[in-house]
Structures are given as C-alpha cells and as structure tokens.
C-alpha cells in the first residue's frame, strides 16, 4: 500500500503540473481541466491522454528555452 501512495504522490507532484499551468493560463480551476482530460480520454479512446502527454512535453521544452533571467549577466 505504501508503494501505491508513493506512486500517487509522484503523479500528483509532477503529472498535474500541466493541468495547473493550463488552468492558470485560462483562468479556471485546475480540477476542471483534469476532469476534462479524463472525460476526453474516455470519449475519444485515448486522444485526451495523448494530448496531455503532448502538452506536458511542450511545456517542458518551453521551460528549457525560455528561462527567466534576473540580470543581463546571467547568460
């Protein structure tokens, strides 16, 4: 049972970051975005999950490219 909670904590910590960032951008609750992805996955037989993985990958690449620099000398 401890393994289950460890896995659950890992997904909550890292996996839901995509939903939170999308929700902040749209100005809605992250919970609504999560449930939308779940319903989309069931309705379209996996397309929602594929879209979620694509957005997670895109946000990771965006974070690597566009980093906030505090000074001109942080190049």
N, C-alpha and C. Protein backbone atom coordinates (compact mmCIF):
# COMPACT_ATOMS: atom_id res chain seq x y z
N UNK A 1 0.82 -1.19 0.00
CA UNK A 1 0.00 0.00 0.00
C UNK A 1 0.87 1.25 0.00
N UNK A 2 2.05 1.16 0.61
CA UNK A 2 2.95 2.30 0.65
C UNK A 2 3.44 2.64 -0.75
N UNK A 3 3.66 1.64 -1.59
CA UNK A 3 4.07 1.86 -2.97
C UNK A 3 3.00 2.62 -3.74
N UNK A 4 1.75 2.31 -3.47
CA UNK A 4 0.64 2.99 -4.12
C UNK A 4 0.65 4.48 -3.79
N UNK A 5 0.82 4.82 -2.53
CA UNK A 5 0.84 6.22 -2.12
C UNK A 5 2.08 6.95 -2.64
N UNK A 6 3.19 6.25 -2.73
CA UNK A 6 4.39 6.85 -3.30
C UNK A 6 4.19 7.17 -4.77
N UNK A 7 3.59 6.25 -5.50
CA UNK A 7 3.29 6.47 -6.91
C UNK A 7 2.27 7.58 -7.09
N UNK A 8 1.25 7.59 -6.26
CA UNK A 8 0.23 8.63 -6.32
C UNK A 8 0.83 10.01 -6.05
N UNK A 9 1.70 10.09 -5.06
CA UNK A 9 2.35 11.36 -4.74
C UNK A 9 3.23 11.83 -5.90
N UNK A 10 3.93 10.90 -6.55
CA UNK A 10 4.78 11.26 -7.69
C UNK A 10 3.95 11.87 -8.81
N UNK A 11 2.81 11.24 -9.14
CA UNK A 11 1.98 11.77 -10.21
C UNK A 11 1.32 13.08 -9.83
N UNK A 12 0.95 13.23 -8.58
CA UNK A 12 0.36 14.49 -8.15
C UNK A 12 1.39 15.61 -8.19
N UNK A 13 2.61 15.30 -7.84
CA UNK A 13 3.66 16.32 -7.80
C UNK A 13 4.09 16.74 -9.20
N UNK A 14 4.23 15.80 -10.10
CA UNK A 14 4.77 16.10 -11.42
C UNK A 14 3.74 16.06 -12.54
N UNK A 15 2.81 15.17 -12.45
CA UNK A 15 1.85 14.99 -13.55
C UNK A 15 0.79 16.06 -13.62
N UNK A 16 0.35 16.57 -12.50
CA UNK A 16 -0.72 17.55 -12.51
C UNK A 16 -0.21 18.96 -12.76
N UNK A 17 1.08 19.12 -12.90
CA UNK A 17 1.65 20.43 -13.19
C UNK A 17 1.14 20.97 -14.52
N UNK A 18 0.94 20.10 -15.47
CA UNK A 18 0.43 20.50 -16.78
C UNK A 18 -0.97 21.08 -16.64
N UNK A 19 -1.81 20.40 -15.91
CA UNK A 19 -3.19 20.88 -15.72
C UNK A 19 -3.21 22.21 -14.97
N UNK A 20 -2.35 22.34 -13.98
CA UNK A 20 -2.32 23.58 -13.20
C UNK A 20 -1.90 24.75 -14.08
N UNK A 21 -0.88 24.55 -14.91
CA UNK A 21 -0.41 25.63 -15.76
C UNK A 21 -1.42 26.01 -16.84
N UNK A 22 -2.10 25.02 -17.39
CA UNK A 22 -3.15 25.31 -18.37
C UNK A 22 -4.29 26.06 -17.71
N UNK A 23 -4.65 25.65 -16.50
CA UNK A 23 -5.74 26.31 -15.78
C UNK A 23 -5.37 27.75 -15.43
N UNK A 24 -4.14 27.99 -15.03
CA UNK A 24 -3.72 29.36 -14.75
C UNK A 24 -3.80 30.22 -16.00
N UNK A 25 -3.41 29.66 -17.12
CA UNK A 25 -3.44 30.40 -18.39
C UNK A 25 -4.87 30.75 -18.79
N UNK A 26 -5.79 29.79 -18.58
CA UNK A 26 -7.18 30.01 -18.96
C UNK A 26 -8.00 30.73 -17.89
N UNK A 27 -7.47 30.77 -16.67
CA UNK A 27 -8.18 31.45 -15.59
C UNK A 27 -9.29 30.61 -14.98
N UNK A 28 -9.14 29.29 -15.00
CA UNK A 28 -10.14 28.40 -14.40
C UNK A 28 -9.45 27.50 -13.39
N UNK A 29 -10.24 26.68 -12.71
CA UNK A 29 -9.67 25.76 -11.72
C UNK A 29 -8.96 24.60 -12.39
N UNK A 30 -7.91 24.14 -11.75
CA UNK A 30 -7.16 23.00 -12.29
C UNK A 30 -8.00 21.73 -12.25
N UNK A 31 -8.88 21.65 -11.30
CA UNK A 31 -9.75 20.47 -11.19
C UNK A 31 -10.63 20.30 -12.42
N UNK A 32 -11.11 21.41 -12.96
CA UNK A 32 -11.94 21.36 -14.17
C UNK A 32 -11.12 20.87 -15.35
N UNK A 33 -9.88 21.31 -15.45
CA UNK A 33 -9.02 20.87 -16.55
C UNK A 33 -8.72 19.38 -16.43
N UNK A 34 -8.45 18.90 -15.21
CA UNK A 34 -8.17 17.47 -15.01
C UNK A 34 -9.36 16.61 -15.41
N UNK A 35 -10.54 16.99 -14.94
CA UNK A 35 -11.72 16.19 -15.28
C UNK A 35 -12.02 16.26 -16.77
N UNK A 36 -11.73 17.38 -17.40
CA UNK A 36 -11.93 17.48 -18.85
C UNK A 36 -11.02 16.52 -19.59
N UNK A 37 -9.77 16.41 -19.16
CA UNK A 37 -8.86 15.45 -19.78
C UNK A 37 -9.33 14.02 -19.54
N UNK A 38 -9.84 13.73 -18.38
CA UNK A 38 -10.33 12.38 -18.09
C UNK A 38 -11.52 12.04 -18.98
N UNK A 39 -12.50 12.95 -19.08
CA UNK A 39 -13.67 12.70 -19.92
C UNK A 39 -13.27 12.60 -21.39
N UNK A 40 -12.36 13.46 -21.82
CA UNK A 40 -11.91 13.42 -23.21
C UNK A 40 -11.22 12.10 -23.53
N UNK A 41 -10.49 11.57 -22.56
CA UNK A 41 -9.81 10.29 -22.77
C UNK A 41 -10.82 9.16 -22.93
N UNK A 42 -11.86 9.15 -22.09
CA UNK A 42 -12.86 8.08 -22.20
C UNK A 42 -13.69 8.20 -23.47
N UNK A 43 -14.04 9.41 -23.84
CA UNK A 43 -14.90 9.60 -25.01
C UNK A 43 -14.16 9.29 -26.30
N UNK A 44 -12.92 9.73 -26.40
CA UNK A 44 -12.19 9.58 -27.67
C UNK A 44 -11.21 8.42 -27.66
N UNK A 45 -11.29 7.59 -26.66
CA UNK A 45 -10.48 6.37 -26.57
C UNK A 45 -8.98 6.69 -26.65
N UNK A 46 -8.52 7.53 -25.77
CA UNK A 46 -7.10 7.77 -25.65
C UNK A 46 -6.58 9.07 -26.21
N UNK A 47 -7.38 9.81 -26.96
CA UNK A 47 -6.88 11.05 -27.55
C UNK A 47 -6.57 12.09 -26.47
N UNK A 48 -7.36 12.15 -25.43
CA UNK A 48 -7.12 13.11 -24.35
C UNK A 48 -5.79 12.85 -23.65
N UNK A 49 -5.47 11.58 -23.45
CA UNK A 49 -4.20 11.23 -22.81
C UNK A 49 -3.04 11.59 -23.72
N UNK A 50 -3.19 11.35 -25.01
CA UNK A 50 -2.13 11.73 -25.96
C UNK A 50 -1.96 13.24 -26.00
N UNK A 51 -3.05 13.97 -25.96
CA UNK A 51 -2.99 15.43 -25.92
C UNK A 51 -2.30 15.91 -24.65
N UNK A 52 -2.62 15.27 -23.53
CA UNK A 52 -1.99 15.62 -22.26
C UNK A 52 -0.48 15.40 -22.31
N UNK A 53 -0.04 14.28 -22.84
CA UNK A 53 1.39 14.00 -22.96
C UNK A 53 2.08 14.99 -23.89
N UNK A 54 1.41 15.35 -24.98
CA UNK A 54 1.98 16.34 -25.89
C UNK A 54 2.13 17.69 -25.20
N UNK A 55 1.13 18.12 -24.45
CA UNK A 55 1.22 19.40 -23.74
C UNK A 55 2.29 19.37 -22.65
N UNK A 56 2.43 18.25 -21.98
CA UNK A 56 3.48 18.12 -20.96
C UNK A 56 4.85 18.25 -21.60
N UNK A 57 5.04 17.60 -22.73
CA UNK A 57 6.31 17.69 -23.44
C UNK A 57 6.56 19.11 -23.92
N UNK A 58 5.54 19.77 -24.46
CA UNK A 58 5.67 21.13 -24.97
C UNK A 58 6.02 22.11 -23.84
N UNK A 59 5.38 21.98 -22.70
CA UNK A 59 5.67 22.87 -21.57
C UNK A 59 7.08 22.65 -21.05
N UNK A 60 7.55 21.42 -21.06
CA UNK A 60 8.92 21.13 -20.61
C UNK A 60 9.94 21.78 -21.55
N UNK A 61 9.72 21.67 -22.85
CA UNK A 61 10.61 22.29 -23.82
C UNK A 61 10.56 23.81 -23.69
N UNK A 62 9.38 24.36 -23.51
CA UNK A 62 9.23 25.81 -23.36
C UNK A 62 9.98 26.31 -22.12
N UNK A 63 9.91 25.56 -21.04
CA UNK A 63 10.63 25.94 -19.83
C UNK A 63 12.14 25.89 -20.02
N UNK A 64 12.61 24.95 -20.82
CA UNK A 64 14.04 24.86 -21.07
C UNK A 64 14.54 26.01 -21.95
N UNK A 65 13.71 26.45 -22.87
CA UNK A 65 14.12 27.51 -23.79
C UNK A 65 13.96 28.89 -23.17
N UNK A 66 12.80 29.13 -22.61
CA UNK A 66 12.51 30.45 -22.03
C UNK A 66 12.69 30.42 -20.53
N UNK A 67 13.89 30.64 -20.07
CA UNK A 67 14.14 30.71 -18.63
C UNK A 67 14.19 32.17 -18.23
N UNK A 68 13.69 32.46 -17.05
CA UNK A 68 13.69 33.83 -16.57
C UNK A 68 15.08 34.16 -16.03
N UNK A 69 15.62 35.22 -16.53
CA UNK A 69 16.94 35.66 -16.08
C UNK A 69 16.76 36.91 -15.25
N UNK A 70 17.45 36.97 -14.14
CA UNK A 70 17.31 38.12 -13.25
C UNK A 70 18.22 39.26 -13.65
N UNK A 71 19.24 38.99 -14.44
CA UNK A 71 20.20 40.01 -14.77
C UNK A 71 20.71 39.81 -16.18
N UNK A 72 21.34 40.83 -16.70
CA UNK A 72 21.93 40.75 -18.04
C UNK A 72 23.11 39.79 -18.04
N UNK A 73 23.77 39.66 -16.91
CA UNK A 73 24.98 38.85 -16.83
C UNK A 73 24.69 37.37 -16.58
N UNK A 74 23.44 36.94 -16.61
CA UNK A 74 23.09 35.53 -16.39
C UNK A 74 23.08 34.72 -17.68
N UNK A 75 23.74 35.17 -18.69
CA UNK A 75 23.78 34.45 -19.96
C UNK A 75 24.68 33.29 -19.81
